[in-house]
Structures are given as C-alpha cells and as structure tokens.
C-alpha cells in the first residue's frame, strides 16, 4: 500500500500513456480500413458494374403492325341484316318478294345477236356510157328503223365516193364482173362484193332478255334503247357478244348481265 501511495501518480500516468498508445495503434488500423473503403466506393462510382439487358418482348407490337398491313374487312352490305335490313316488294300476284330477287341483277339474257353491215351486188346495167352497178346496203345497227332497211347505191367506174363506199376496181368483164372491189368510207378497208358473195361485217349486237318478277320479255334491244321494269327506267349502254349492260336512269349505276349460251 505504501508503494501505491508513493507511486500512484506514476502508475496513473503509465495507464494514460498506454491508453494513448493503444488509441494511436487503433487509429492506424481505422485509417487504413477507411481509406480502403473510400477507394472501393470511388471505383464503384467511376466504374459501375454493367449488367447486359435481356431481349425486349416485341410480340405485341409486331402483331399490331401485321394486323394493320392486312386489315379485316367487314361486309355491311350483302349479308348483314343489322345495318341493311331485308326489304320486300309486292309482286304481281300480291305476294311479297325479297328486294334481292328484283332489279336488273335478276334479269336473264336469253340471246345476243350480231348486227351486220351487209353490202350486196344486186344488178348490172349497161348503156352507151358503160356498165353501172346497183349495190344494196343494209345497216342493221343503225339508230332508226328507217335507216336499217336495205338501201341501194348506184356506182360506175370513175365515180366519186358516195357516203358509204367508192368503186376501186372491177374484176372480170365489166358487164358480168366476177367481183367488185370497193373501199369503205368509215374504215378505209377495201373489200370484195360479188353476186354470189355479199360483204358482211359485225357492227354491233342486240340482246334478248327477260325479267321474271314481272313476266316481261324484251327482244332485240340495242345500245340507246330504253327499258322499264321494277318501277325503274334503264338505258342499254353496251351490248357485246358476252354481256348486256344496263344503266339505272335515276343514279346512272350500271348493271352487267352476262350471256351464257
């Protein structure tokens, strides 16, 4: 005890010095660890770890683009009954008829006939001036019935062209020719006409058709003719060897009627 009483100050000072030394040693390790932590943090900020992204799922976008390229078409005209309810019309017998079974689409073309331009050598007359030829001209496609009847034209060698043709050459004897070569005014073609063989050219067609809902039959209709059925007037705008085309006079809508012989 005497020793402690005489040396307690030295012992206390020694303990303080030991504590200071321990604190210094701890500070060395703490500073080293803190420096290492700061270095690791700075490296992580400047050189972050990059993780590769996975492929994006674009299936929905690709499907949308594909649908836009081939859009779905809705038919609201022929088979739809919500936007186009079924219409009916009273028939000749008083019973209702579906509108889909009336109109030009139910017309039936029964025949299509060609309309010819026919030129014939009818007779030959001779006099002191030479031979004179009588040619028959039939224009079946003419617009009026009077012009469709057979007409005669008289021509001799050297005559000027008439309104239909001109005489180019006489083959054989002038009094009894084998054939006459004539030049057509409208086409410029040179054709042959003889007593035994007339010249024939298709200029147009006429059509026969029927409309069963009203039991109507139309014969020999040609371009420009007007017909009426189903309470509507129609104009024949085209006739060829395969079809008849009618135009509704209320809206100019055309209907093509095929001919299947």
C-alpha atoms as a PDB file:
ATOM      1  CA  UNK A   1       0.000   0.000   0.000  1.00  0.00           C
ATOM      2  CA  UNK A   2       2.871   2.269   0.775  1.00  0.00           C
ATOM      3  CA  UNK A   3       4.114   1.614  -2.733  1.00  0.00           C
ATOM      4  CA  UNK A   4       0.808   2.623  -4.253  1.00  0.00           C
ATOM      5  CA  UNK A   5       0.622   5.715  -2.124  1.00  0.00           C
ATOM      6  CA  UNK A   6       4.132   6.765  -3.134  1.00  0.00           C
ATOM      7  CA  UNK A   7       3.815   5.834  -6.877  1.00  0.00           C
ATOM      8  CA  UNK A   8       0.114   6.172  -7.794  1.00  0.00           C
ATOM      9  CA  UNK A   9       0.817   9.209  -9.943  1.00  0.00           C
ATOM     10  CA  UNK A  10       3.383   7.276 -11.955  1.00  0.00           C
ATOM     11  CA  UNK A  11       1.009   4.320 -12.279  1.00  0.00           C
ATOM     12  CA  UNK A  12      -1.832   6.618 -13.449  1.00  0.00           C
ATOM     13  CA  UNK A  13       0.456   8.339 -15.925  1.00  0.00           C
ATOM     14  CA  UNK A  14       1.562   4.945 -17.247  1.00  0.00           C
ATOM     15  CA  UNK A  15      -2.032   3.854 -17.749  1.00  0.00           C
ATOM     16  CA  UNK A  16      -2.811   7.086 -19.623  1.00  0.00           C
ATOM     17  CA  UNK A  17       0.252   6.643 -21.843  1.00  0.00           C
ATOM     18  CA  UNK A  18      -0.715   3.032 -22.538  1.00  0.00           C
ATOM     19  CA  UNK A  19      -4.214   4.178 -23.487  1.00  0.00           C
ATOM     20  CA  UNK A  20      -2.797   6.801 -25.812  1.00  0.00           C
ATOM     21  CA  UNK A  21      -0.535   4.278 -27.467  1.00  0.00           C
ATOM     22  CA  UNK A  22      -3.481   1.898 -27.886  1.00  0.00           C
ATOM     23  CA  UNK A  23      -5.570   4.713 -29.402  1.00  0.00           C
ATOM     24  CA  UNK A  24      -2.769   5.536 -31.856  1.00  0.00           C
ATOM     25  CA  UNK A  25      -2.457   1.919 -32.922  1.00  0.00           C
ATOM     26  CA  UNK A  26      -6.269   1.677 -33.348  1.00  0.00           C
ATOM     27  CA  UNK A  27      -6.258   4.893 -35.416  1.00  0.00           C
ATOM     28  CA  UNK A  28      -3.674   3.401 -37.774  1.00  0.00           C
ATOM     29  CA  UNK A  29      -5.908   0.381 -38.463  1.00  0.00           C
ATOM     30  CA  UNK A  30      -9.073   2.548 -38.686  1.00  0.00           C
ATOM     31  CA  UNK A  31      -7.495   4.976 -41.159  1.00  0.00           C
ATOM     32  CA  UNK A  32      -6.282   2.088 -43.344  1.00  0.00           C
ATOM     33  CA  UNK A  33      -9.703   0.432 -43.354  1.00  0.00           C
ATOM     34  CA  UNK A  34     -11.477   3.753 -44.055  1.00  0.00           C
ATOM     35  CA  UNK A  35      -9.072   4.506 -46.905  1.00  0.00           C
ATOM     36  CA  UNK A  36      -9.717   1.108 -48.451  1.00  0.00           C
ATOM     37  CA  UNK A  37     -13.489   1.574 -48.130  1.00  0.00           C
ATOM     38  CA  UNK A  38     -13.319   5.005 -49.792  1.00  0.00           C
ATOM     39  CA  UNK A  39     -11.221   3.561 -52.622  1.00  0.00           C
ATOM     40  CA  UNK A  40     -13.685   0.760 -53.213  1.00  0.00           C
ATOM     41  CA  UNK A  41     -16.583   3.226 -53.195  1.00  0.00           C
ATOM     42  CA  UNK A  42     -14.892   5.554 -55.671  1.00  0.00           C
ATOM     43  CA  UNK A  43     -14.089   2.652 -58.012  1.00  0.00           C
ATOM     44  CA  UNK A  44     -17.713   1.564 -57.842  1.00  0.00           C
ATOM     45  CA  UNK A  45     -18.916   5.056 -58.816  1.00  0.00           C
ATOM     46  CA  UNK A  46     -16.430   5.591 -61.632  1.00  0.00           C
ATOM     47  CA  UNK A  47     -16.579   2.048 -62.999  1.00  0.00           C
ATOM     48  CA  UNK A  48     -20.044   0.721 -62.204  1.00  0.00           C
ATOM     49  CA  UNK A  49     -20.813  -2.875 -62.933  1.00  0.00           C
ATOM     50  CA  UNK A  50     -22.886  -3.092 -66.116  1.00  0.00           C
ATOM     51  CA  UNK A  51     -25.329  -5.967 -66.440  1.00  0.00           C
ATOM     52  CA  UNK A  52     -26.429  -6.895 -70.001  1.00  0.00           C
ATOM     53  CA  UNK A  53     -30.117  -6.287 -70.684  1.00  0.00           C
ATOM     54  CA  UNK A  54     -32.343  -9.148 -71.799  1.00  0.00           C
ATOM     55  CA  UNK A  55     -34.063  -9.033 -75.225  1.00  0.00           C
ATOM     56  CA  UNK A  56     -37.263  -6.990 -75.210  1.00  0.00           C
ATOM     57  CA  UNK A  57     -40.548  -8.791 -75.938  1.00  0.00           C
ATOM     58  CA  UNK A  58     -41.957  -7.005 -79.049  1.00  0.00           C
ATOM     59  CA  UNK A  59     -44.520  -9.669 -79.937  1.00  0.00           C
ATOM     60  CA  UNK A  60     -47.485  -7.405 -79.184  1.00  0.00           C
ATOM     61  CA  UNK A  61     -46.128  -4.560 -81.329  1.00  0.00           C
ATOM     62  CA  UNK A  62     -45.254  -6.941 -84.187  1.00  0.00           C
ATOM     63  CA  UNK A  63     -48.756  -8.427 -84.136  1.00  0.00           C
ATOM     64  CA  UNK A  64     -50.296  -4.942 -84.214  1.00  0.00           C
ATOM     65  CA  UNK A  65     -48.209  -3.965 -87.266  1.00  0.00           C
ATOM     66  CA  UNK A  66     -49.172  -7.212 -89.025  1.00  0.00           C
ATOM     67  CA  UNK A  67     -52.873  -6.531 -88.405  1.00  0.00           C
ATOM     68  CA  UNK A  68     -52.531  -3.019 -89.830  1.00  0.00           C
ATOM     69  CA  UNK A  69     -50.917  -4.382 -93.009  1.00  0.00           C
ATOM     70  CA  UNK A  70     -53.818  -6.786 -93.628  1.00  0.00           C
ATOM     71  CA  UNK A  71     -56.904  -5.171 -92.087  1.00  0.00           C
ATOM     72  CA  UNK A  72     -60.022  -7.224 -91.538  1.00  0.00           C
ATOM     73  CA  UNK A  73     -62.765  -6.253 -93.962  1.00  0.00           C
ATOM     74  CA  UNK A  74     -66.305  -6.251 -92.668  1.00  0.00           C
ATOM     75  CA  UNK A  75     -69.163  -6.724 -95.122  1.00  0.00           C
ATOM     76  CA  UNK A  76     -72.044  -4.473 -94.068  1.00  0.00           C
ATOM     77  CA  UNK A  77     -73.823  -4.692 -97.434  1.00  0.00           C
ATOM     78  CA  UNK A  78     -74.616  -8.171 -98.675  1.00  0.00           C
ATOM     79  CA  UNK A  79     -75.109 -10.463 -95.714  1.00  0.00           C
ATOM     80  CA  UNK A  80     -75.561  -8.020 -92.852  1.00  0.00           C
ATOM     81  CA  UNK A  81     -79.114  -7.539 -91.612  1.00  0.00           C
ATOM     82  CA  UNK A  82     -78.407  -5.049 -88.805  1.00  0.00           C
ATOM     83  CA  UNK A  83     -77.285  -2.153 -90.976  1.00  0.00           C
ATOM     84  CA  UNK A  84     -79.185  -3.362 -94.072  1.00  0.00           C
ATOM     85  CA  UNK A  85     -82.459  -4.991 -93.021  1.00  0.00           C
ATOM     86  CA  UNK A  86     -84.196  -7.134 -95.600  1.00  0.00           C
ATOM     87  CA  UNK A  87     -86.543  -5.205 -97.893  1.00  0.00           C
ATOM     88  CA  UNK A  88     -89.632  -6.619 -99.581  1.00  0.00           C
ATOM     89  CA  UNK A  89     -91.642  -5.649-102.618  1.00  0.00           C
ATOM     90  CA  UNK A  90     -95.139  -6.609-103.662  1.00  0.00           C
ATOM     91  CA  UNK A  91     -95.201  -8.940-106.664  1.00  0.00           C
ATOM     92  CA  UNK A  92     -97.753  -9.219-109.453  1.00  0.00           C
ATOM     93  CA  UNK A  93     -99.562 -11.972-107.558  1.00  0.00           C
ATOM     94  CA  UNK A  94     -99.805  -9.804-104.446  1.00  0.00           C
ATOM     95  CA  UNK A  95     -97.273 -11.841-102.516  1.00  0.00           C
ATOM     96  CA  UNK A  96     -94.144 -10.177-101.087  1.00  0.00           C
ATOM     97  CA  UNK A  97     -90.850 -10.632-102.932  1.00  0.00           C
ATOM     98  CA  UNK A  98     -87.418 -10.038-101.467  1.00  0.00           C
ATOM     99  CA  UNK A  99     -85.793  -6.957-102.967  1.00  0.00           C
ATOM    100  CA  UNK A 100     -82.681  -9.056-103.506  1.00  0.00           C
ATOM    101  CA  UNK A 101     -84.772 -11.018-106.034  1.00  0.00           C
ATOM    102  CA  UNK A 102     -85.830  -7.985-108.060  1.00  0.00           C
ATOM    103  CA  UNK A 103     -83.955  -5.418-110.134  1.00  0.00           C
ATOM    104  CA  UNK A 104     -81.544  -5.775-113.046  1.00  0.00           C
ATOM    105  CA  UNK A 105     -79.459  -8.407-111.261  1.00  0.00           C
ATOM    106  CA  UNK A 106     -82.220 -10.977-111.765  1.00  0.00           C
ATOM    107  CA  UNK A 107     -82.643 -10.305-115.494  1.00  0.00           C
ATOM    108  CA  UNK A 108     -81.784 -13.280-117.693  1.00  0.00           C
ATOM    109  CA  UNK A 109     -80.139 -12.675-121.082  1.00  0.00           C
ATOM    110  CA  UNK A 110     -81.577 -15.294-123.426  1.00  0.00           C
ATOM    111  CA  UNK A 111     -79.827 -14.359-126.664  1.00  0.00           C
ATOM    112  CA  UNK A 112     -77.329 -11.940-128.193  1.00  0.00           C
ATOM    113  CA  UNK A 113     -77.358 -11.482-131.958  1.00  0.00           C
ATOM    114  CA  UNK A 114     -74.808  -9.703-134.168  1.00  0.00           C
ATOM    115  CA  UNK A 115     -75.929  -6.700-136.212  1.00  0.00           C
ATOM    116  CA  UNK A 116     -74.289  -6.645-139.627  1.00  0.00           C
ATOM    117  CA  UNK A 117     -73.352  -4.172-142.279  1.00  0.00           C
ATOM    118  CA  UNK A 118     -74.330  -6.048-145.469  1.00  0.00           C
ATOM    119  CA  UNK A 119     -73.368  -4.963-148.983  1.00  0.00           C
ATOM    120  CA  UNK A 120     -74.663  -6.946-151.938  1.00  0.00           C
ATOM    121  CA  UNK A 121     -74.246  -6.709-155.741  1.00  0.00           C
ATOM    122  CA  UNK A 122     -77.868  -6.616-156.857  1.00  0.00           C
ATOM    123  CA  UNK A 123     -77.656  -5.912-160.595  1.00  0.00           C
ATOM    124  CA  UNK A 124     -75.554  -4.695-163.500  1.00  0.00           C
ATOM    125  CA  UNK A 125     -76.901  -2.419-166.246  1.00  0.00           C
ATOM    126  CA  UNK A 126     -75.101  -1.278-169.373  1.00  0.00           C
ATOM    127  CA  UNK A 127     -75.615   1.683-171.679  1.00  0.00           C
ATOM    128  CA  UNK A 128     -73.610   3.840-174.047  1.00  0.00           C
ATOM    129  CA  UNK A 129     -71.632   5.175-171.067  1.00  0.00           C
ATOM    130  CA  UNK A 130     -70.608   1.723-169.886  1.00  0.00           C
ATOM    131  CA  UNK A 131     -71.578  -0.574-167.050  1.00  0.00           C
ATOM    132  CA  UNK A 132     -73.431   0.675-163.981  1.00  0.00           C
ATOM    133  CA  UNK A 133     -73.706  -1.348-160.806  1.00  0.00           C
ATOM    134  CA  UNK A 134     -76.501  -1.440-158.246  1.00  0.00           C
ATOM    135  CA  UNK A 135     -75.301  -2.280-154.741  1.00  0.00           C
ATOM    136  CA  UNK A 136     -77.596  -2.985-151.824  1.00  0.00           C
ATOM    137  CA  UNK A 137     -76.647  -1.542-148.435  1.00  0.00           C
ATOM    138  CA  UNK A 138     -78.179  -2.793-145.193  1.00  0.00           C
ATOM    139  CA  UNK A 139     -77.102  -1.236-141.873  1.00  0.00           C
ATOM    140  CA  UNK A 140     -78.677  -3.380-139.184  1.00  0.00           C
ATOM    141  CA  UNK A 141     -77.018  -1.356-136.393  1.00  0.00           C
ATOM    142  CA  UNK A 142     -78.496   1.977-137.499  1.00  0.00           C
ATOM    143  CA  UNK A 143     -80.201   4.047-134.804  1.00  0.00           C
ATOM    144  CA  UNK A 144     -83.594   4.236-136.528  1.00  0.00           C
ATOM    145  CA  UNK A 145     -85.724   1.570-138.187  1.00  0.00           C
ATOM    146  CA  UNK A 146     -85.874   3.532-141.463  1.00  0.00           C
ATOM    147  CA  UNK A 147     -82.097   3.529-141.801  1.00  0.00           C
ATOM    148  CA  UNK A 148     -81.958  -0.206-141.127  1.00  0.00           C
ATOM    149  CA  UNK A 149     -83.925  -1.052-144.255  1.00  0.00           C
ATOM    150  CA  UNK A 150     -81.984  -2.010-147.327  1.00  0.00           C
ATOM    151  CA  UNK A 151     -80.922   0.932-149.478  1.00  0.00           C
ATOM    152  CA  UNK A 152     -79.444   0.934-152.952  1.00  0.00           C
ATOM    153  CA  UNK A 153     -76.492   2.851-154.277  1.00  0.00           C
ATOM    154  CA  UNK A 154     -75.538   3.175-157.990  1.00  0.00           C
ATOM    155  CA  UNK A 155     -71.902   3.365-158.938  1.00  0.00           C
ATOM    156  CA  UNK A 156     -69.727   3.214-162.059  1.00  0.00           C
ATOM    157  CA  UNK A 157     -66.002   3.168-162.650  1.00  0.00           C
ATOM    158  CA  UNK A 158     -64.597   6.636-162.090  1.00  0.00           C
ATOM    159  CA  UNK A 159     -67.460   7.904-159.895  1.00  0.00           C
ATOM    160  CA  UNK A 160     -66.672   9.931-156.807  1.00  0.00           C
ATOM    161  CA  UNK A 161     -67.152   8.181-153.449  1.00  0.00           C
ATOM    162  CA  UNK A 162     -70.670   8.262-152.058  1.00  0.00           C
ATOM    163  CA  UNK A 163     -71.469   8.456-148.331  1.00  0.00           C
ATOM    164  CA  UNK A 164     -70.636   4.769-147.786  1.00  0.00           C
ATOM    165  CA  UNK A 165     -68.095   3.491-150.319  1.00  0.00           C
ATOM    166  CA  UNK A 166     -66.281   4.047-153.600  1.00  0.00           C
ATOM    167  CA  UNK A 167     -65.653   1.656-156.504  1.00  0.00           C
ATOM    168  CA  UNK A 168     -61.957   0.842-156.719  1.00  0.00           C
ATOM    169  CA  UNK A 169     -61.752  -1.994-159.273  1.00  0.00           C
ATOM    170  CA  UNK A 170     -63.901  -4.305-161.396  1.00  0.00           C
ATOM    171  CA  UNK A 171     -62.584  -7.851-161.626  1.00  0.00           C
ATOM    172  CA  UNK A 172     -63.515  -9.729-164.777  1.00  0.00           C
ATOM    173  CA  UNK A 173     -65.818  -8.493-167.504  1.00  0.00           C
ATOM    174  CA  UNK A 174     -67.446  -5.105-166.703  1.00  0.00           C
ATOM    175  CA  UNK A 175     -70.816  -6.397-167.980  1.00  0.00           C
ATOM    176  CA  UNK A 176     -70.586  -9.599-165.917  1.00  0.00           C
ATOM    177  CA  UNK A 177     -67.971  -8.990-163.232  1.00  0.00           C
ATOM    178  CA  UNK A 178     -66.520 -11.691-161.057  1.00  0.00           C
ATOM    179  CA  UNK A 179     -66.308  -9.215-158.169  1.00  0.00           C
ATOM    180  CA  UNK A 180     -66.260  -5.526-157.348  1.00  0.00           C
ATOM    181  CA  UNK A 181     -63.551  -4.106-155.101  1.00  0.00           C
ATOM    182  CA  UNK A 182     -64.989  -1.258-153.069  1.00  0.00           C
ATOM    183  CA  UNK A 183     -63.412   0.959-150.417  1.00  0.00           C
ATOM    184  CA  UNK A 184     -65.466   1.658-147.292  1.00  0.00           C
ATOM    185  CA  UNK A 185     -65.588   5.290-146.209  1.00  0.00           C
ATOM    186  CA  UNK A 186     -65.844   4.675-142.443  1.00  0.00           C
ATOM    187  CA  UNK A 187     -62.945   2.217-142.055  1.00  0.00           C
ATOM    188  CA  UNK A 188     -60.902   2.740-145.217  1.00  0.00           C
ATOM    189  CA  UNK A 189     -60.882  -1.034-145.848  1.00  0.00           C
ATOM    190  CA  UNK A 190     -61.096  -2.401-149.377  1.00  0.00           C
ATOM    191  CA  UNK A 191     -63.494  -5.333-149.620  1.00  0.00           C
ATOM    192  CA  UNK A 192     -64.880  -7.639-152.270  1.00  0.00           C
ATOM    193  CA  UNK A 193     -68.546  -7.928-153.314  1.00  0.00           C
ATOM    194  CA  UNK A 194     -69.952 -10.324-155.912  1.00  0.00           C
ATOM    195  CA  UNK A 195     -73.328 -11.689-156.979  1.00  0.00           C
ATOM    196  CA  UNK A 196     -72.701 -14.898-155.062  1.00  0.00           C
ATOM    197  CA  UNK A 197     -70.990 -13.475-152.008  1.00  0.00           C
ATOM    198  CA  UNK A 198     -72.106 -10.392-150.123  1.00  0.00           C
ATOM    199  CA  UNK A 199     -69.839  -8.474-147.794  1.00  0.00           C
ATOM    200  CA  UNK A 200     -70.811  -8.813-144.126  1.00  0.00           C
ATOM    201  CA  UNK A 201     -69.283  -7.034-141.131  1.00  0.00           C
ATOM    202  CA  UNK A 202     -70.412  -7.097-137.495  1.00  0.00           C
ATOM    203  CA  UNK A 203     -71.071  -3.513-136.410  1.00  0.00           C
ATOM    204  CA  UNK A 204     -72.916  -4.101-133.122  1.00  0.00           C
ATOM    205  CA  UNK A 205     -75.083  -6.551-131.184  1.00  0.00           C
ATOM    206  CA  UNK A 206     -78.672  -6.754-129.955  1.00  0.00           C
ATOM    207  CA  UNK A 207     -79.887  -8.629-126.886  1.00  0.00           C
ATOM    208  CA  UNK A 208     -82.989 -10.536-125.833  1.00  0.00           C
ATOM    209  CA  UNK A 209     -83.661 -10.783-122.117  1.00  0.00           C
ATOM    210  CA  UNK A 210     -86.476 -11.336-119.675  1.00  0.00           C
ATOM    211  CA  UNK A 211     -87.477 -10.051-116.252  1.00  0.00           C
ATOM    212  CA  UNK A 212     -89.282 -12.872-114.453  1.00  0.00           C
ATOM    213  CA  UNK A 213     -90.707 -10.965-111.419  1.00  0.00           C
ATOM    214  CA  UNK A 214     -92.987  -9.035-113.817  1.00  0.00           C
ATOM    215  CA  UNK A 215     -93.060 -11.660-116.577  1.00  0.00           C
ATOM    216  CA  UNK A 216     -91.635  -9.179-119.069  1.00  0.00           C
ATOM    217  CA  UNK A 217     -89.666 -10.117-122.171  1.00  0.00           C
ATOM    218  CA  UNK A 218     -87.502  -7.687-124.160  1.00  0.00           C
ATOM    219  CA  UNK A 219     -86.310  -8.579-127.661  1.00  0.00           C
ATOM    220  CA  UNK A 220     -83.761  -7.040-129.968  1.00  0.00           C
ATOM    221  CA  UNK A 221     -82.605  -4.354-127.537  1.00  0.00           C
ATOM    222  CA  UNK A 222     -79.564  -2.437-128.700  1.00  0.00           C
ATOM    223  CA  UNK A 223     -77.415   0.446-127.480  1.00  0.00           C
ATOM    224  CA  UNK A 224     -79.542   3.521-126.780  1.00  0.00           C
ATOM    225  CA  UNK A 225     -82.803   1.632-126.201  1.00  0.00           C
ATOM    226  CA  UNK A 226     -84.755   2.300-123.013  1.00  0.00           C
ATOM    227  CA  UNK A 227     -86.487  -0.412-120.983  1.00  0.00           C
ATOM    228  CA  UNK A 228     -88.591  -0.239-117.840  1.00  0.00           C
ATOM    229  CA  UNK A 229     -89.168  -2.844-115.141  1.00  0.00           C
ATOM    230  CA  UNK A 230     -89.425  -2.914-111.372  1.00  0.00           C
ATOM    231  CA  UNK A 231     -90.653   0.694-111.386  1.00  0.00           C
ATOM    232  CA  UNK A 232     -87.324   1.953-112.797  1.00  0.00           C
ATOM    233  CA  UNK A 233     -86.206   3.090-116.245  1.00  0.00           C
ATOM    234  CA  UNK A 234     -82.970   1.687-117.654  1.00  0.00           C
ATOM    235  CA  UNK A 235     -80.836   2.573-120.681  1.00  0.00           C
ATOM    236  CA  UNK A 236     -78.955  -0.011-122.723  1.00  0.00           C
ATOM    237  CA  UNK A 237     -75.396   1.363-122.719  1.00  0.00           C
ATOM    238  CA  UNK A 238     -73.457  -1.634-124.019  1.00  0.00           C
ATOM    239  CA  UNK A 239     -74.140  -4.903-125.819  1.00  0.00           C
ATOM    240  CA  UNK A 240     -71.383  -7.258-126.861  1.00  0.00           C
ATOM    241  CA  UNK A 241     -71.215 -10.945-127.595  1.00  0.00           C
ATOM    242  CA  UNK A 242     -70.769 -11.795-123.906  1.00  0.00           C
ATOM    243  CA  UNK A 243     -72.888  -9.342-121.898  1.00  0.00           C
ATOM    244  CA  UNK A 244     -75.595  -6.709-121.735  1.00  0.00           C
ATOM    245  CA  UNK A 245     -75.054  -3.573-119.623  1.00  0.00           C
ATOM    246  CA  UNK A 246     -77.961  -1.506-118.306  1.00  0.00           C
ATOM    247  CA  UNK A 247     -77.724   1.908-116.621  1.00  0.00           C
ATOM    248  CA  UNK A 248     -80.254   2.983-113.990  1.00  0.00           C
ATOM    249  CA  UNK A 249     -81.613   6.364-115.119  1.00  0.00           C
ATOM    250  CA  UNK A 250     -82.107   7.559-111.531  1.00  0.00           C
ATOM    251  CA  UNK A 251     -78.491   7.217-110.409  1.00  0.00           C
ATOM    252  CA  UNK A 252     -76.577   6.060-113.535  1.00  0.00           C
ATOM    253  CA  UNK A 253     -75.498   2.898-111.731  1.00  0.00           C
ATOM    254  CA  UNK A 254     -74.590   0.205-114.247  1.00  0.00           C
ATOM    255  CA  UNK A 255     -75.514  -3.479-114.068  1.00  0.00           C
ATOM    256  CA  UNK A 256     -73.673  -6.086-116.129  1.00  0.00           C
ATOM    257  CA  UNK A 257     -75.787  -9.045-117.280  1.00  0.00           C
ATOM    258  CA  UNK A 258     -73.681 -11.924-118.644  1.00  0.00           C
ATOM    259  CA  UNK A 259     -74.822 -14.083-121.532  1.00  0.00           C
ATOM    260  CA  UNK A 260     -74.249 -17.817-121.164  1.00  0.00           C
ATOM    261  CA  UNK A 261     -75.487 -19.576-124.293  1.00  0.00           C
END
